[in-house]
Amino acid sequence: MKKQITRALINTLAFFLAAQFLPIIAATPLHFLGAGIILALINMVIRPLLILLAIPLNLVTLGLFTLVINAWMIQLTSGLMPGFYVPGFKAALFTAILISLGNWGYKKIIARPN
């Protein structure tokens, strides 16, 4: 449970940072939090199935297709969260890169095993 809450907060922070550089529209900071929570739920339910189905494409692209799947998850979040809008695939892809970097940084720096 702690891991999911941490991921939702990282997603929220990444959405906020992406909105500083990209034309992501959110009416209030609560919309960023809601989008982070929805993305965490989508990543727990839908993303594993898409990763499993995309194994051949991930092998061919050496794992870079995972960023495309992450961008699709962000676009799905944009469609499900009222008041939060990601204007296109390019903005969703850059947001996916920021979220991936945030999760990587959390794993390598903060949640470092002893």
PDB file of N, CA and C in Angstrom:
ATOM      1  N   MET A   1       0.821  -1.195   0.000  1.00  0.00           N
ATOM      2  CA  MET A   1       0.000   0.000   0.000  1.00  0.00           C
ATOM      3  C   MET A   1       0.868   1.264   0.000  1.00  0.00           C
ATOM      4  N   LYS A   2       1.949   1.241   0.770  1.00  0.00           N
ATOM      5  CA  LYS A   2       2.845   2.391   0.825  1.00  0.00           C
ATOM      6  C   LYS A   2       3.478   2.653  -0.535  1.00  0.00           C
ATOM      7  N   LYS A   3       3.780   1.577  -1.261  1.00  0.00           N
ATOM      8  CA  LYS A   3       4.394   1.700  -2.583  1.00  0.00           C
ATOM      9  C   LYS A   3       3.441   2.382  -3.572  1.00  0.00           C
ATOM     10  N   GLN A   4       2.163   2.031  -3.530  1.00  0.00           N
ATOM     11  CA  GLN A   4       1.186   2.630  -4.437  1.00  0.00           C
ATOM     12  C   GLN A   4       0.971   4.103  -4.117  1.00  0.00           C
ATOM     13  N   ILE A   5       0.942   4.449  -2.848  1.00  0.00           N
ATOM     14  CA  ILE A   5       0.768   5.852  -2.461  1.00  0.00           C
ATOM     15  C   ILE A   5       1.975   6.669  -2.918  1.00  0.00           C
ATOM     16  N   THR A   6       3.168   6.093  -2.755  1.00  0.00           N
ATOM     17  CA  THR A   6       4.376   6.787  -3.188  1.00  0.00           C
ATOM     18  C   THR A   6       4.366   7.002  -4.696  1.00  0.00           C
ATOM     19  N   ARG A   7       3.961   5.984  -5.446  1.00  0.00           N
ATOM     20  CA  ARG A   7       3.890   6.126  -6.908  1.00  0.00           C
ATOM     21  C   ARG A   7       2.872   7.181  -7.311  1.00  0.00           C
ATOM     22  N   ALA A   8       1.726   7.221  -6.622  1.00  0.00           N
ATOM     23  CA  ALA A   8       0.714   8.231  -6.943  1.00  0.00           C
ATOM     24  C   ALA A   8       1.265   9.634  -6.682  1.00  0.00           C
ATOM     25  N   LEU A   9       2.032   9.804  -5.607  1.00  0.00           N
ATOM     26  CA  LEU A   9       2.618  11.114  -5.317  1.00  0.00           C
ATOM     27  C   LEU A   9       3.703  11.477  -6.324  1.00  0.00           C
ATOM     28  N   ILE A  10       4.489  10.491  -6.757  1.00  0.00           N
ATOM     29  CA  ILE A  10       5.494  10.751  -7.800  1.00  0.00           C
ATOM     30  C   ILE A  10       4.808  11.136  -9.098  1.00  0.00           C
ATOM     31  N   ASN A  11       3.715  10.444  -9.435  1.00  0.00           N
ATOM     32  CA  ASN A  11       2.950  10.799 -10.639  1.00  0.00           C
ATOM     33  C   ASN A  11       2.419  12.219 -10.545  1.00  0.00           C
ATOM     34  N   THR A  12       1.910  12.587  -9.376  1.00  0.00           N
ATOM     35  CA  THR A  12       1.388  13.939  -9.175  1.00  0.00           C
ATOM     36  C   THR A  12       2.476  14.981  -9.380  1.00  0.00           C
ATOM     37  N   LEU A  13       3.631  14.743  -8.789  1.00  0.00           N
ATOM     38  CA  LEU A  13       4.751  15.673  -8.941  1.00  0.00           C
ATOM     39  C   LEU A  13       5.208  15.748 -10.402  1.00  0.00           C
ATOM     40  N   ALA A  14       5.255  14.603 -11.071  1.00  0.00           N
ATOM     41  CA  ALA A  14       5.670  14.596 -12.481  1.00  0.00           C
ATOM     42  C   ALA A  14       4.652  15.337 -13.356  1.00  0.00           C
ATOM     43  N   PHE A  15       3.372  15.185 -13.079  1.00  0.00           N
ATOM     44  CA  PHE A  15       2.355  15.929 -13.831  1.00  0.00           C
ATOM     45  C   PHE A  15       2.532  17.430 -13.606  1.00  0.00           C
ATOM     46  N   PHE A  16       2.784  17.809 -12.361  1.00  0.00           N
ATOM     47  CA  PHE A  16       2.974  19.226 -12.061  1.00  0.00           C
ATOM     48  C   PHE A  16       4.199  19.781 -12.792  1.00  0.00           C
ATOM     49  N   LEU A  17       5.307  19.038 -12.759  1.00  0.00           N
ATOM     50  CA  LEU A  17       6.517  19.484 -13.454  1.00  0.00           C
ATOM     51  C   LEU A  17       6.310  19.523 -14.965  1.00  0.00           C
ATOM     52  N   ALA A  18       5.618  18.536 -15.503  1.00  0.00           N
ATOM     53  CA  ALA A  18       5.358  18.517 -16.950  1.00  0.00           C
ATOM     54  C   ALA A  18       4.496  19.703 -17.354  1.00  0.00           C
ATOM     55  N   ALA A  19       3.579  20.105 -16.480  1.00  0.00           N
ATOM     56  CA  ALA A  19       2.711  21.245 -16.800  1.00  0.00           C
ATOM     57  C   ALA A  19       3.491  22.553 -16.856  1.00  0.00           C
ATOM     58  N   GLN A  20       4.654  22.599 -16.230  1.00  0.00           N
ATOM     59  CA  GLN A  20       5.469  23.811 -16.287  1.00  0.00           C
ATOM     60  C   GLN A  20       6.115  23.989 -17.658  1.00  0.00           C
ATOM     61  N   PHE A  21       6.330  22.881 -18.370  1.00  0.00           N
ATOM     62  CA  PHE A  21       7.024  22.921 -19.655  1.00  0.00           C
ATOM     63  C   PHE A  21       6.132  22.593 -20.849  1.00  0.00           C
ATOM     64  N   LEU A  22       5.030  21.909 -20.607  1.00  0.00           N
ATOM     65  CA  LEU A  22       4.141  21.458 -21.678  1.00  0.00           C
ATOM     66  C   LEU A  22       2.763  22.070 -21.491  1.00  0.00           C
ATOM     67  N   PRO A  23       1.958  22.079 -22.545  1.00  0.00           N
ATOM     68  CA  PRO A  23       0.622  22.680 -22.417  1.00  0.00           C
ATOM     69  C   PRO A  23      -0.399  21.750 -21.756  1.00  0.00           C
ATOM     70  N   ILE A  24      -0.038  21.172 -20.609  1.00  0.00           N
ATOM     71  CA  ILE A  24      -0.982  20.347 -19.856  1.00  0.00           C
ATOM     72  C   ILE A  24      -1.858  21.283 -19.045  1.00  0.00           C
ATOM     73  N   ILE A  25      -3.147  21.053 -19.092  1.00  0.00           N
ATOM     74  CA  ILE A  25      -4.087  21.956 -18.433  1.00  0.00           C
ATOM     75  C   ILE A  25      -4.728  21.240 -17.250  1.00  0.00           C
ATOM     76  N   ALA A  26      -4.633  21.833 -16.086  1.00  0.00           N
ATOM     77  CA  ALA A  26      -5.326  21.353 -14.899  1.00  0.00           C
ATOM     78  C   ALA A  26      -5.849  22.581 -14.173  1.00  0.00           C
ATOM     79  N   ALA A  27      -7.104  22.514 -13.756  1.00  0.00           N
ATOM     80  CA  ALA A  27      -7.731  23.678 -13.147  1.00  0.00           C
ATOM     81  C   ALA A  27      -7.139  23.999 -11.774  1.00  0.00           C
ATOM     82  N   THR A  28      -6.876  22.981 -10.970  1.00  0.00           N
ATOM     83  CA  THR A  28      -6.347  23.193  -9.622  1.00  0.00           C
ATOM     84  C   THR A  28      -5.283  22.140  -9.330  1.00  0.00           C
ATOM     85  N   PRO A  29      -4.507  22.340  -8.265  1.00  0.00           N
ATOM     86  CA  PRO A  29      -3.547  21.293  -7.870  1.00  0.00           C
ATOM     87  C   PRO A  29      -4.222  19.968  -7.515  1.00  0.00           C
ATOM     88  N   LEU A  30      -5.482  20.012  -7.088  1.00  0.00           N
ATOM     89  CA  LEU A  30      -6.200  18.773  -6.800  1.00  0.00           C
ATOM     90  C   LEU A  30      -6.411  17.941  -8.060  1.00  0.00           C
ATOM     91  N   HIS A  31      -6.480  18.603  -9.219  1.00  0.00           N
ATOM     92  CA  HIS A  31      -6.596  17.863 -10.466  1.00  0.00           C
ATOM     93  C   HIS A  31      -5.315  17.072 -10.751  1.00  0.00           C
ATOM     94  N   PHE A  32      -4.160  17.654 -10.407  1.00  0.00           N
ATOM     95  CA  PHE A  32      -2.904  16.913 -10.550  1.00  0.00           C
ATOM     96  C   PHE A  32      -2.900  15.695  -9.635  1.00  0.00           C
ATOM     97  N   LEU A  33      -3.358  15.872  -8.395  1.00  0.00           N
ATOM     98  CA  LEU A  33      -3.406  14.762  -7.451  1.00  0.00           C
ATOM     99  C   LEU A  33      -4.372  13.683  -7.931  1.00  0.00           C
ATOM    100  N   GLY A  34      -5.539  14.092  -8.404  1.00  0.00           N
ATOM    101  CA  GLY A  34      -6.508  13.130  -8.925  1.00  0.00           C
ATOM    102  C   GLY A  34      -5.956  12.377 -10.123  1.00  0.00           C
ATOM    103  N   ALA A  35      -5.274  13.088 -11.005  1.00  0.00           N
ATOM    104  CA  ALA A  35      -4.681  12.440 -12.178  1.00  0.00           C
ATOM    105  C   ALA A  35      -3.571  11.479 -11.749  1.00  0.00           C
ATOM    106  N   GLY A  36      -2.795  11.842 -10.741  1.00  0.00           N
ATOM    107  CA  GLY A  36      -1.756  10.944 -10.241  1.00  0.00           C
ATOM    108  C   GLY A  36      -2.328   9.664  -9.665  1.00  0.00           C
ATOM    109  N   ILE A  37      -3.433   9.785  -8.934  1.00  0.00           N
ATOM    110  CA  ILE A  37      -4.087   8.617  -8.351  1.00  0.00           C
ATOM    111  C   ILE A  37      -4.696   7.748  -9.448  1.00  0.00           C
ATOM    112  N   ILE A  38      -5.371   8.372 -10.410  1.00  0.00           N
ATOM    113  CA  ILE A  38      -5.964   7.605 -11.510  1.00  0.00           C
ATOM    114  C   ILE A  38      -4.881   6.897 -12.312  1.00  0.00           C
ATOM    115  N   LEU A  39      -3.770   7.581 -12.582  1.00  0.00           N
ATOM    116  CA  LEU A  39      -2.681   6.944 -13.327  1.00  0.00           C
ATOM    117  C   LEU A  39      -2.109   5.765 -12.546  1.00  0.00           C
ATOM    118  N   ALA A  40      -1.978   5.898 -11.232  1.00  0.00           N
ATOM    119  CA  ALA A  40      -1.478   4.780 -10.425  1.00  0.00           C
ATOM    120  C   ALA A  40      -2.425   3.581 -10.515  1.00  0.00           C
ATOM    121  N   LEU A  41      -3.722   3.838 -10.488  1.00  0.00           N
ATOM    122  CA  LEU A  41      -4.696   2.740 -10.612  1.00  0.00           C
ATOM    123  C   LEU A  41      -4.663   2.104 -11.997  1.00  0.00           C
ATOM    124  N   ILE A  42      -4.552   2.927 -13.029  1.00  0.00           N
ATOM    125  CA  ILE A  42      -4.464   2.408 -14.393  1.00  0.00           C
ATOM    126  C   ILE A  42      -3.200   1.572 -14.554  1.00  0.00           C
ATOM    127  N   ASN A  43      -2.096   2.048 -13.965  1.00  0.00           N
ATOM    128  CA  ASN A  43      -0.838   1.313 -14.063  1.00  0.00           C
ATOM    129  C   ASN A  43      -0.885  -0.017 -13.319  1.00  0.00           C
ATOM    130  N   MET A  44      -1.743  -0.127 -12.315  1.00  0.00           N
ATOM    131  CA  MET A  44      -1.873  -1.392 -11.593  1.00  0.00           C
ATOM    132  C   MET A  44      -2.759  -2.383 -12.336  1.00  0.00           C
ATOM    133  N   VAL A  45      -3.737  -1.895 -13.106  1.00  0.00           N
ATOM    134  CA  VAL A  45      -4.722  -2.787 -13.716  1.00  0.00           C
ATOM    135  C   VAL A  45      -4.476  -3.013 -15.210  1.00  0.00           C
ATOM    136  N   ILE A  46      -4.407  -1.951 -15.990  1.00  0.00           N
ATOM    137  CA  ILE A  46      -4.384  -2.067 -17.451  1.00  0.00           C
ATOM    138  C   ILE A  46      -2.971  -2.227 -18.000  1.00  0.00           C
ATOM    139  N   ARG A  47      -2.020  -1.486 -17.461  1.00  0.00           N
ATOM    140  CA  ARG A  47      -0.652  -1.474 -18.004  1.00  0.00           C
ATOM    141  C   ARG A  47       0.005  -2.851 -18.046  1.00  0.00           C
ATOM    142  N   PRO A  48      -0.128  -3.698 -17.002  1.00  0.00           N
ATOM    143  CA  PRO A  48       0.512  -5.017 -17.090  1.00  0.00           C
ATOM    144  C   PRO A  48      -0.001  -5.858 -18.264  1.00  0.00           C
ATOM    145  N   LEU A  49      -1.281  -5.733 -18.567  1.00  0.00           N
ATOM    146  CA  LEU A  49      -1.833  -6.479 -19.706  1.00  0.00           C
ATOM    147  C   LEU A  49      -1.255  -5.979 -21.027  1.00  0.00           C
ATOM    148  N   LEU A  50      -1.131  -4.661 -21.162  1.00  0.00           N
ATOM    149  CA  LEU A  50      -0.555  -4.110 -22.392  1.00  0.00           C
ATOM    150  C   LEU A  50       0.930  -4.459 -22.522  1.00  0.00           C
ATOM    151  N   ILE A  51       1.644  -4.456 -21.409  1.00  0.00           N
ATOM    152  CA  ILE A  51       3.069  -4.834 -21.444  1.00  0.00           C
ATOM    153  C   ILE A  51       3.198  -6.282 -21.892  1.00  0.00           C
ATOM    154  N   LEU A  52       2.339  -7.145 -21.390  1.00  0.00           N
ATOM    155  CA  LEU A  52       2.365  -8.556 -21.773  1.00  0.00           C
ATOM    156  C   LEU A  52       2.069  -8.738 -23.257  1.00  0.00           C
ATOM    157  N   LEU A  53       1.071  -8.010 -23.758  1.00  0.00           N
ATOM    158  CA  LEU A  53       0.722  -8.112 -25.177  1.00  0.00           C
ATOM    159  C   LEU A  53       1.788  -7.505 -26.087  1.00  0.00           C
ATOM    160  N   ALA A  54       2.562  -6.568 -25.563  1.00  0.00           N
ATOM    161  CA  ALA A  54       3.543  -5.853 -26.378  1.00  0.00           C
ATOM    162  C   ALA A  54       4.956  -6.427 -26.256  1.00  0.00           C
ATOM    163  N   ILE A  55       5.098  -7.611 -25.718  1.00  0.00           N
ATOM    164  CA  ILE A  55       6.433  -8.201 -25.575  1.00  0.00           C
ATOM    165  C   ILE A  55       7.177  -8.268 -26.908  1.00  0.00           C
ATOM    166  N   PRO A  56       6.548  -8.705 -28.016  1.00  0.00           N
ATOM    167  CA  PRO A  56       7.297  -8.725 -29.285  1.00  0.00           C
ATOM    168  C   PRO A  56       7.784  -7.336 -29.714  1.00  0.00           C
ATOM    169  N   LEU A  57       6.938  -6.312 -29.567  1.00  0.00           N
ATOM    170  CA  LEU A  57       7.357  -4.959 -29.930  1.00  0.00           C
ATOM    171  C   LEU A  57       8.457  -4.434 -29.000  1.00  0.00           C
ATOM    172  N   ASN A  58       8.373  -4.790 -27.727  1.00  0.00           N
ATOM    173  CA  ASN A  58       9.420  -4.373 -26.799  1.00  0.00           C
ATOM    174  C   ASN A  58      10.753  -5.046 -27.118  1.00  0.00           C
ATOM    175  N   LEU A  59      10.702  -6.280 -27.569  1.00  0.00           N
ATOM    176  CA  LEU A  59      11.939  -6.949 -27.962  1.00  0.00           C
ATOM    177  C   LEU A  59      12.565  -6.288 -29.181  1.00  0.00           C
ATOM    178  N   VAL A  60      11.734  -5.935 -30.153  1.00  0.00           N
ATOM    179  CA  VAL A  60      12.238  -5.317 -31.376  1.00  0.00           C
ATOM    180  C   VAL A  60      12.794  -3.920 -31.104  1.00  0.00           C
ATOM    181  N   THR A  61      12.123  -3.164 -30.241  1.00  0.00           N
ATOM    182  CA  THR A  61      12.541  -1.778 -29.975  1.00  0.00           C
ATOM    183  C   THR A  61      13.439  -1.658 -28.741  1.00  0.00           C
ATOM    184  N   LEU A  62      13.873  -2.787 -28.213  1.00  0.00           N
ATOM    185  CA  LEU A  62      14.743  -2.821 -27.030  1.00  0.00           C
ATOM    186  C   LEU A  62      14.111  -2.114 -25.827  1.00  0.00           C
ATOM    187  N   GLY A  63      12.812  -2.244 -25.674  1.00  0.00           N
ATOM    188  CA  GLY A  63      12.107  -1.713 -24.518  1.00  0.00           C
ATOM    189  C   GLY A  63      11.566  -0.305 -24.666  1.00  0.00           C
ATOM    190  N   LEU A  64      11.877   0.368 -25.764  1.00  0.00           N
ATOM    191  CA  LEU A  64      11.409   1.747 -25.922  1.00  0.00           C
ATOM    192  C   LEU A  64       9.902   1.837 -26.162  1.00  0.00           C
ATOM    193  N   PHE A  65       9.287   0.744 -26.607  1.00  0.00           N
ATOM    194  CA  PHE A  65       7.837   0.762 -26.814  1.00  0.00           C
ATOM    195  C   PHE A  65       7.093   0.935 -25.493  1.00  0.00           C
ATOM    196  N   THR A  66       7.756   0.633 -24.387  1.00  0.00           N
ATOM    197  CA  THR A  66       7.142   0.840 -23.072  1.00  0.00           C
ATOM    198  C   THR A  66       6.798   2.307 -22.859  1.00  0.00           C
ATOM    199  N   LEU A  67       7.618   3.216 -23.376  1.00  0.00           N
ATOM    200  CA  LEU A  67       7.301   4.647 -23.273  1.00  0.00           C
ATOM    201  C   LEU A  67       6.019   4.986 -24.028  1.00  0.00           C
ATOM    202  N   VAL A  68       5.794   4.332 -25.152  1.00  0.00           N
ATOM    203  CA  VAL A  68       4.556   4.547 -25.907  1.00  0.00           C
ATOM    204  C   VAL A  68       3.360   4.055 -25.091  1.00  0.00           C
ATOM    205  N   ILE A  69       3.504   2.899 -24.464  1.00  0.00           N
ATOM    206  CA  ILE A  69       2.426   2.379 -23.612  1.00  0.00           C
ATOM    207  C   ILE A  69       2.171   3.336 -22.454  1.00  0.00           C
ATOM    208  N   ASN A  70       3.226   3.861 -21.852  1.00  0.00           N
ATOM    209  CA  ASN A  70       3.058   4.838 -20.760  1.00  0.00           C
ATOM    210  C   ASN A  70       2.356   6.101 -21.249  1.00  0.00           C
ATOM    211  N   ALA A  71       2.672   6.541 -22.461  1.00  0.00           N
ATOM    212  CA  ALA A  71       1.998   7.717 -23.025  1.00  0.00           C
ATOM    213  C   ALA A  71       0.512   7.430 -23.235  1.00  0.00           C
ATOM    214  N   TRP A  72       0.194   6.227 -23.675  1.00  0.00           N
ATOM    215  CA  TRP A  72      -1.222   5.858 -23.826  1.00  0.00           C
ATOM    216  C   TRP A  72      -1.940   5.874 -22.483  1.00  0.00           C
ATOM    217  N   MET A  73      -1.270   5.431 -21.430  1.00  0.00           N
ATOM    218  CA  MET A  73      -1.871   5.435 -20.094  1.00  0.00           C
ATOM    219  C   MET A  73      -2.128   6.872 -19.628  1.00  0.00           C
ATOM    220  N   ILE A  74      -1.221   7.777 -19.984  1.00  0.00           N
ATOM    221  CA  ILE A  74      -1.415   9.183 -19.624  1.00  0.00           C
ATOM    222  C   ILE A  74      -2.573   9.781 -20.406  1.00  0.00           C
ATOM    223  N   GLN A  75      -2.705   9.422 -21.676  1.00  0.00           N
ATOM    224  CA  GLN A  75      -3.843   9.901 -22.452  1.00  0.00           C
ATOM    225  C   GLN A  75      -5.153   9.334 -21.911  1.00  0.00           C
ATOM    226  N   LEU A  76      -5.135   8.085 -21.464  1.00  0.00           N
ATOM    227  CA  LEU A  76      -6.331   7.497 -20.850  1.00  0.00           C
ATOM    228  C   LEU A  76      -6.672   8.230 -19.555  1.00  0.00           C
ATOM    229  N   THR A  77      -5.662   8.567 -18.778  1.00  0.00           N
ATOM    230  CA  THR A  77      -5.877   9.352 -17.555  1.00  0.00           C
ATOM    231  C   THR A  77      -6.494  10.702 -17.890  1.00  0.00           C
ATOM    232  N   SER A  78      -6.003  11.319 -18.957  1.00  0.00           N
ATOM    233  CA  SER A  78      -6.545  12.606 -19.389  1.00  0.00           C
ATOM    234  C   SER A  78      -8.015  12.489 -19.765  1.00  0.00           C
ATOM    235  N   GLY A  79      -8.387  11.377 -20.356  1.00  0.00           N
ATOM    236  CA  GLY A  79      -9.786  11.175 -20.729  1.00  0.00           C
ATOM    237  C   GLY A  79     -10.685  10.870 -19.546  1.00  0.00           C
ATOM    238  N   LEU A  80     -10.126  10.243 -18.508  1.00  0.00           N
ATOM    239  CA  LEU A  80     -10.937   9.844 -17.358  1.00  0.00           C
ATOM    240  C   LEU A  80     -11.046  10.930 -16.287  1.00  0.00           C
ATOM    241  N   MET A  81     -10.073  11.826 -16.233  1.00  0.00           N
ATOM    242  CA  MET A  81     -10.047  12.857 -15.179  1.00  0.00           C
ATOM    243  C   MET A  81     -10.608  14.167 -15.696  1.00  0.00           C
ATOM    244  N   PRO A  82     -11.803  14.548 -15.248  1.00  0.00           N
ATOM    245  CA  PRO A  82     -12.335  15.837 -15.685  1.00  0.00           C
ATOM    246  C   PRO A  82     -11.510  16.986 -15.103  1.00  0.00           C
ATOM    247  N   GLY A  83     -11.239  17.987 -15.923  1.00  0.00           N
ATOM    248  CA  GLY A  83     -10.447  19.124 -15.486  1.00  0.00           C
ATOM    249  C   GLY A  83      -8.958  18.952 -15.708  1.00  0.00           C
ATOM    250  N   PHE A  84      -8.547  17.797 -16.213  1.00  0.00           N
ATOM    251  CA  PHE A  84      -7.141  17.526 -16.505  1.00  0.00           C
ATOM    252  C   PHE A  84      -7.054  17.140 -17.970  1.00  0.00           C
ATOM    253  N   TYR A  85      -6.195  17.840 -18.711  1.00  0.00           N
ATOM    254  CA  TYR A  85      -6.145  17.623 -20.160  1.00  0.00           C
ATOM    255  C   TYR A  85      -4.701  17.610 -20.649  1.00  0.00           C
ATOM    256  N   VAL A  86      -4.341  16.548 -21.359  1.00  0.00           N
ATOM    257  CA  VAL A  86      -3.048  16.461 -22.045  1.00  0.00           C
ATOM    258  C   VAL A  86      -3.377  16.577 -23.532  1.00  0.00           C
ATOM    259  N   PRO A  87      -2.862  17.610 -24.220  1.00  0.00           N
ATOM    260  CA  PRO A  87      -3.351  17.944 -25.551  1.00  0.00           C
ATOM    261  C   PRO A  87      -2.993  16.999 -26.688  1.00  0.00           C
ATOM    262  N   GLY A  88      -2.062  16.111 -26.528  1.00  0.00           N
ATOM    263  CA  GLY A  88      -1.731  15.236 -27.640  1.00  0.00           C
ATOM    264  C   GLY A  88      -0.731  14.178 -27.244  1.00  0.00           C
ATOM    265  N   PHE A  89      -0.389  13.338 -28.227  1.00  0.00           N
ATOM    266  CA  PHE A  89       0.513  12.235 -27.946  1.00  0.00           C
ATOM    267  C   PHE A  89       1.915  12.724 -27.595  1.00  0.00           C
ATOM    268  N   LYS A  90       2.370  13.779 -28.249  1.00  0.00           N
ATOM    269  CA  LYS A  90       3.722  14.288 -27.988  1.00  0.00           C
ATOM    270  C   LYS A  90       3.852  14.770 -26.536  1.00  0.00           C
ATOM    271  N   ALA A  91       2.872  15.507 -26.061  1.00  0.00           N
ATOM    272  CA  ALA A  91       2.891  15.968 -24.667  1.00  0.00           C
ATOM    273  C   ALA A  91       2.786  14.782 -23.713  1.00  0.00           C
ATOM    274  N   ALA A  92       1.979  13.778 -24.068  1.00  0.00           N
ATOM    275  CA  ALA A  92       1.852  12.591 -23.225  1.00  0.00           C
ATOM    276  C   ALA A  92       3.168  11.808 -23.193  1.00  0.00           C
ATOM    277  N   LEU A  93       3.875  11.757 -24.322  1.00  0.00           N
ATOM    278  CA  LEU A  93       5.148  11.045 -24.372  1.00  0.00           C
ATOM    279  C   LEU A  93       6.200  11.738 -23.505  1.00  0.00           C
ATOM    280  N   PHE A  94       6.285  13.063 -23.574  1.00  0.00           N
ATOM    281  CA  PHE A  94       7.231  13.783 -22.730  1.00  0.00           C
ATOM    282  C   PHE A  94       6.869  13.649 -21.248  1.00  0.00           C
ATOM    283  N   THR A  95       5.573  13.636 -20.949  1.00  0.00           N
ATOM    284  CA  THR A  95       5.143  13.422 -19.571  1.00  0.00           C
ATOM    285  C   THR A  95       5.509  12.020 -19.116  1.00  0.00           C
ATOM    286  N   ALA A  96       5.356  11.037 -19.997  1.00  0.00           N
ATOM    287  CA  ALA A  96       5.735   9.659 -19.662  1.00  0.00           C
ATOM    288  C   ALA A  96       7.224   9.558 -19.375  1.00  0.00           C
ATOM    289  N   ILE A  97       8.026  10.286 -20.122  1.00  0.00           N
ATOM    290  CA  ILE A  97       9.470  10.292 -19.874  1.00  0.00           C
ATOM    291  C   ILE A  97       9.766  10.898 -18.503  1.00  0.00           C
ATOM    292  N   LEU A  98       9.085  11.999 -18.162  1.00  0.00           N
ATOM    293  CA  LEU A  98       9.284  12.613 -16.841  1.00  0.00           C
ATOM    294  C   LEU A  98       8.863  11.676 -15.711  1.00  0.00           C
ATOM    295  N   ILE A  99       7.748  10.987 -15.891  1.00  0.00           N
ATOM    296  CA  ILE A  99       7.281  10.050 -14.871  1.00  0.00           C
ATOM    297  C   ILE A  99       8.255   8.887 -14.743  1.00  0.00           C
ATOM    298  N   SER A 100       8.761   8.393 -15.870  1.00  0.00           N
ATOM    299  CA  SER A 100       9.730   7.298 -15.827  1.00  0.00           C
ATOM    300  C   SER A 100      11.004   7.725 -15.107  1.00  0.00           C
ATOM    301  N   LEU A 101      11.472   8.938 -15.388  1.00  0.00           N
ATOM    302  CA  LEU A 101      12.655   9.448 -14.693  1.00  0.00           C
ATOM    303  C   LEU A 101      12.397   9.621 -13.192  1.00  0.00           C
ATOM    304  N   GLY A 102      11.203  10.073 -12.848  1.00  0.00           N
ATOM    305  CA  GLY A 102      10.846  10.229 -11.438  1.00  0.00           C
ATOM    306  C   GLY A 102      10.803   8.899 -10.712  1.00  0.00           C
ATOM    307  N   ASN A 103      10.209   7.892 -11.328  1.00  0.00           N
ATOM    308  CA  ASN A 103      10.155   6.567 -10.711  1.00  0.00           C
ATOM    309  C   ASN A 103      11.549   5.948 -10.614  1.00  0.00           C
ATOM    310  N   TRP A 104      12.365   6.151 -11.648  1.00  0.00           N
ATOM    311  CA  TRP A 104      13.733   5.631 -11.625  1.00  0.00           C
ATOM    312  C   TRP A 104      14.530   6.300 -10.507  1.00  0.00           C
ATOM    313  N   GLY A 105      14.397   7.619 -10.410  1.00  0.00           N
ATOM    314  CA  GLY A 105      15.102   8.340  -9.361  1.00  0.00           C
ATOM    315  C   GLY A 105      14.661   7.906  -7.969  1.00  0.00           C
ATOM    316  N   TYR A 106      13.382   7.656  -7.803  1.00  0.00           N
ATOM    317  CA  TYR A 106      12.889   7.190  -6.513  1.00  0.00           C
ATOM    318  C   TYR A 106      13.499   5.844  -6.160  1.00  0.00           C
ATOM    319  N   LYS A 107      13.534   4.938  -7.137  1.00  0.00           N
ATOM    320  CA  LYS A 107      14.069   3.603  -6.866  1.00  0.00           C
ATOM    321  C   LYS A 107      15.569   3.637  -6.576  1.00  0.00           C
ATOM    322  N   LYS A 108      16.313   4.466  -7.314  1.00  0.00           N
ATOM    323  CA  LYS A 108      17.765   4.471  -7.180  1.00  0.00           C
ATOM    324  C   LYS A 108      18.263   5.329  -6.027  1.00  0.00           C
ATOM    325  N   ILE A 109      17.562   6.418  -5.722  1.00  0.00           N
ATOM    326  CA  ILE A 109      18.086   7.368  -4.744  1.00  0.00           C
ATOM    327  C   ILE A 109      17.370   7.256  -3.403  1.00  0.00           C
ATOM    328  N   ILE A 110      16.060   7.290  -3.416  1.00  0.00           N
ATOM    329  CA  ILE A 110      15.315   7.367  -2.156  1.00  0.00           C
ATOM    330  C   ILE A 110      15.069   5.984  -1.554  1.00  0.00           C
ATOM    331  N   ALA A 111      14.577   5.056  -2.344  1.00  0.00           N
ATOM    332  CA  ALA A 111      14.210   3.732  -1.826  1.00  0.00           C
ATOM    333  C   ALA A 111      15.358   2.746  -1.997  1.00  0.00           C
ATOM    334  N   ARG A 112      16.563   3.215  -1.842  1.00  0.00           N
ATOM    335  CA  ARG A 112      17.749   2.387  -2.010  1.00  0.00           C
ATOM    336  C   ARG A 112      17.775   1.303  -0.926  1.00  0.00           C
ATOM    337  N   PRO A 113      17.893   0.040  -1.352  1.00  0.00           N
ATOM    338  CA  PRO A 113      17.963  -1.021  -0.328  1.00  0.00           C
ATOM    339  C   PRO A 113      19.312  -0.972   0.404  1.00  0.00           C
ATOM    340  N   ASN A 114      19.283  -1.290   1.653  1.00  0.00           N
ATOM    341  CA  ASN A 114      20.520  -1.265   2.466  1.00  0.00           C
ATOM    342  C   ASN A 114      21.291  -2.545   2.340  1.00  0.00           C
TER     343      ASN A 114
END
